[in-house]
């Protein structure tokens, strides 16, 4: 019974700390969610698959909120790597509880099958809260981003465009 007053006090402090939310899942100043799933199968096909999805958000209620959503996938068949992908979405909001607020955005990803060493884009934007009632929220956002992709290509694929066209048409000119 001595733990009951402490639990009630902790609940009151938690509720007071969660005075507003960025969306329906953000109810505190710091939130961490993570899951990991794996599967190993041996028989007709030997498969190993590992998936993870950590997410967190943090920030002061009145000024900045940082939110990061990440996922990864690793798969192998007969001990040969088939996937090793990472995807990370990151947002920094400034005063997100106002009707209009700016944000910065950054995505980073890799993709083993598509031979993408790293793809990233960064930018900024603005959000307008059109409806923000007890039961409904509707937001409109616009942003602009810069994107860059670094591919993992064999040396032959690193030729310039004209060399690649000539090579595909029967070879490079001699002499």
Protein backbone atom coordinates (compact mmCIF):
# COMPACT_ATOMS: atom_id res chain seq x y z
CA UNK A 1 0.00 0.00 0.00
CA UNK A 2 2.98 2.34 0.47
CA UNK A 3 3.61 2.23 -3.31
CA UNK A 4 0.11 3.47 -4.19
CA UNK A 5 0.68 7.13 -3.14
CA UNK A 6 4.02 7.16 -4.98
CA UNK A 7 2.36 5.76 -8.12
CA UNK A 8 -0.41 8.38 -7.92
CA UNK A 9 2.16 11.17 -7.46
CA UNK A 10 4.16 9.90 -10.44
CA UNK A 11 1.00 9.74 -12.57
CA UNK A 12 0.09 13.34 -11.64
CA UNK A 13 3.60 14.55 -12.52
CA UNK A 14 3.49 12.63 -15.81
CA UNK A 15 0.08 14.07 -16.75
CA UNK A 16 1.24 17.61 -15.91
CA UNK A 17 4.37 17.13 -18.05
CA UNK A 18 2.20 16.08 -21.00
CA UNK A 19 0.32 19.34 -21.50
CA UNK A 20 0.15 19.15 -25.30
CA UNK A 21 0.98 16.80 -28.11
CA UNK A 22 2.46 17.10 -31.57
CA UNK A 23 0.26 14.28 -32.83
CA UNK A 24 -1.84 11.54 -31.30
CA UNK A 25 1.20 9.50 -30.23
CA UNK A 26 3.24 12.31 -28.61
CA UNK A 27 2.08 12.76 -25.04
CA UNK A 28 5.25 13.58 -23.11
CA UNK A 29 8.45 15.59 -23.31
CA UNK A 30 10.43 12.45 -24.14
CA UNK A 31 9.11 9.34 -25.83
CA UNK A 32 10.97 6.21 -26.93
CA UNK A 33 9.45 3.27 -28.76
CA UNK A 34 11.44 0.39 -30.15
CA UNK A 35 10.82 -3.06 -31.50
CA UNK A 36 12.95 -5.77 -33.00
CA UNK A 37 11.77 -8.87 -34.80
CA UNK A 38 13.81 -11.74 -36.09
CA UNK A 39 13.16 -14.95 -37.92
CA UNK A 40 15.47 -17.86 -38.61
CA UNK A 41 14.28 -20.71 -40.78
CA UNK A 42 16.23 -23.77 -41.82
CA UNK A 43 14.92 -26.49 -44.08
CA UNK A 44 14.23 -26.21 -47.80
CA UNK A 45 15.39 -22.58 -47.55
CA UNK A 46 17.74 -21.15 -44.95
CA UNK A 47 16.62 -17.61 -44.13
CA UNK A 48 17.66 -15.11 -41.47
CA UNK A 49 15.65 -11.91 -41.17
CA UNK A 50 16.07 -9.15 -38.58
CA UNK A 51 13.93 -6.00 -38.51
CA UNK A 52 14.13 -3.13 -36.05
CA UNK A 53 12.19 0.08 -35.64
CA UNK A 54 13.31 2.58 -32.99
CA UNK A 55 11.44 5.89 -32.74
CA UNK A 56 11.84 8.78 -30.34
CA UNK A 57 10.75 12.36 -29.86
CA UNK A 58 11.91 14.98 -27.42
CA UNK A 59 11.71 18.70 -26.86
CA UNK A 60 10.33 21.53 -24.85
CA UNK A 61 6.60 21.97 -25.32
CA UNK A 62 6.83 25.67 -26.22
CA UNK A 63 9.86 25.83 -28.50
CA UNK A 64 11.50 22.88 -30.28
CA UNK A 65 10.46 19.28 -30.85
CA UNK A 66 12.80 16.72 -32.43
CA UNK A 67 11.27 13.53 -33.81
CA UNK A 68 13.18 10.60 -35.31
CA UNK A 69 11.68 7.50 -36.93
CA UNK A 70 14.13 4.78 -37.97
CA UNK A 71 13.96 1.29 -39.38
CA UNK A 72 16.43 -1.34 -40.49
CA UNK A 73 16.23 -4.65 -42.29
CA UNK A 74 18.83 -7.39 -42.56
CA UNK A 75 18.15 -10.60 -44.50
CA UNK A 76 20.32 -13.44 -45.69
CA UNK A 77 19.61 -16.61 -47.65
CA UNK A 78 22.01 -19.52 -47.17
CA UNK A 79 24.36 -17.12 -45.29
CA UNK A 80 24.51 -14.81 -48.35
CA UNK A 81 23.48 -11.23 -47.58
CA UNK A 82 20.30 -10.21 -49.43
CA UNK A 83 19.30 -7.00 -47.60
CA UNK A 84 21.05 -4.61 -45.28
CA UNK A 85 18.92 -1.46 -45.35
CA UNK A 86 18.56 1.54 -43.08
CA UNK A 87 15.92 4.26 -43.28
CA UNK A 88 15.89 7.29 -40.97
CA UNK A 89 13.35 10.16 -40.99
CA UNK A 90 14.13 13.14 -38.78
CA UNK A 91 12.13 16.30 -38.11
CA UNK A 92 12.84 19.42 -36.08
CA UNK A 93 9.74 21.53 -35.41
CA UNK A 94 9.77 25.08 -34.04
CA UNK A 95 6.75 25.96 -31.90
CA UNK A 96 4.63 23.14 -33.36
CA UNK A 97 1.55 24.05 -31.32
CA UNK A 98 0.99 27.32 -33.15
CA UNK A 99 -1.39 27.54 -36.09
CA UNK A 100 1.54 28.02 -38.52
CA UNK A 101 5.01 26.69 -37.74
CA UNK A 102 8.27 25.93 -39.60
CA UNK A 103 10.15 22.64 -39.62
CA UNK A 104 13.42 21.12 -40.85
CA UNK A 105 13.48 17.65 -42.36
CA UNK A 106 16.24 15.14 -43.02
CA UNK A 107 16.07 11.60 -44.42
CA UNK A 108 18.99 9.16 -44.71
CA UNK A 109 18.71 5.69 -46.23
CA UNK A 110 20.68 2.80 -47.67
CA UNK A 111 19.48 -0.07 -49.84
CA UNK A 112 21.57 -3.17 -50.49
CA UNK A 113 19.54 -4.61 -53.41
CA UNK A 114 19.31 -1.29 -55.25
CA UNK A 115 23.04 -0.73 -54.65
CA UNK A 116 22.46 2.56 -52.84
CA UNK A 117 25.39 3.26 -50.52
CA UNK A 118 23.65 6.31 -49.07
CA UNK A 119 20.74 8.51 -50.08
CA UNK A 120 19.93 11.63 -48.15
CA UNK A 121 17.82 14.68 -48.43
CA UNK A 122 17.53 17.72 -46.24
CA UNK A 123 15.26 20.72 -46.36
CA UNK A 124 12.72 22.85 -44.64
CA UNK A 125 9.07 23.70 -44.79
CA UNK A 126 6.04 25.12 -43.09
CA UNK A 127 2.88 23.55 -41.65
CA UNK A 128 -0.58 25.08 -41.33
CA UNK A 129 -3.00 23.54 -38.83
CA UNK A 130 -6.33 23.83 -40.65
CA UNK A 131 -8.40 21.95 -38.03
CA UNK A 132 -7.27 21.29 -34.46
CA UNK A 133 -10.17 20.15 -32.32
CA UNK A 134 -10.56 17.55 -29.59
CA UNK A 135 -11.53 14.81 -32.08
CA UNK A 136 -9.98 15.99 -35.36
CA UNK A 137 -6.67 17.33 -36.59
CA UNK A 138 -5.92 18.34 -40.17
CA UNK A 139 -2.62 19.87 -41.26
CA UNK A 140 -1.27 21.07 -44.60
CA UNK A 141 2.49 21.15 -45.13
CA UNK A 142 4.79 22.34 -47.88
CA UNK A 143 8.53 21.83 -48.06
CA UNK A 144 11.54 21.93 -50.31
CA UNK A 145 14.44 19.49 -50.13
CA UNK A 146 17.88 18.80 -51.57
CA UNK A 147 18.57 15.16 -52.44
CA UNK A 148 21.78 13.28 -53.18
CA UNK A 149 22.31 9.58 -53.85
CA UNK A 150 25.62 7.70 -53.86
CA UNK A 151 25.36 4.41 -55.74
CA UNK A 152 27.59 1.37 -55.28
CA UNK A 153 28.49 0.68 -58.92
CA UNK A 154 31.08 -1.60 -60.52
CA UNK A 155 33.98 0.23 -62.26
CA UNK A 156 32.44 -0.29 -65.72
CA UNK A 157 29.31 1.62 -64.67
CA UNK A 158 31.39 4.66 -63.61
CA UNK A 159 32.07 5.64 -67.22
CA UNK A 160 30.80 9.01 -68.37
CA UNK A 161 27.52 9.08 -70.30
CA UNK A 162 29.03 9.16 -73.82
CA UNK A 163 31.39 6.25 -73.07
CA UNK A 164 28.48 4.23 -71.67
CA UNK A 165 26.33 4.93 -74.77
CA UNK A 166 29.14 3.94 -77.15
CA UNK A 167 29.90 0.81 -75.14
CA UNK A 168 26.23 -0.26 -75.26
CA UNK A 169 26.16 0.34 -79.05
CA UNK A 170 28.99 -2.05 -79.81
CA UNK A 171 32.11 -0.71 -78.19
CA UNK A 172 34.33 2.30 -77.85
CA UNK A 173 35.99 3.61 -81.02
CA UNK A 174 39.51 2.27 -81.58
CA UNK A 175 42.55 4.51 -81.91
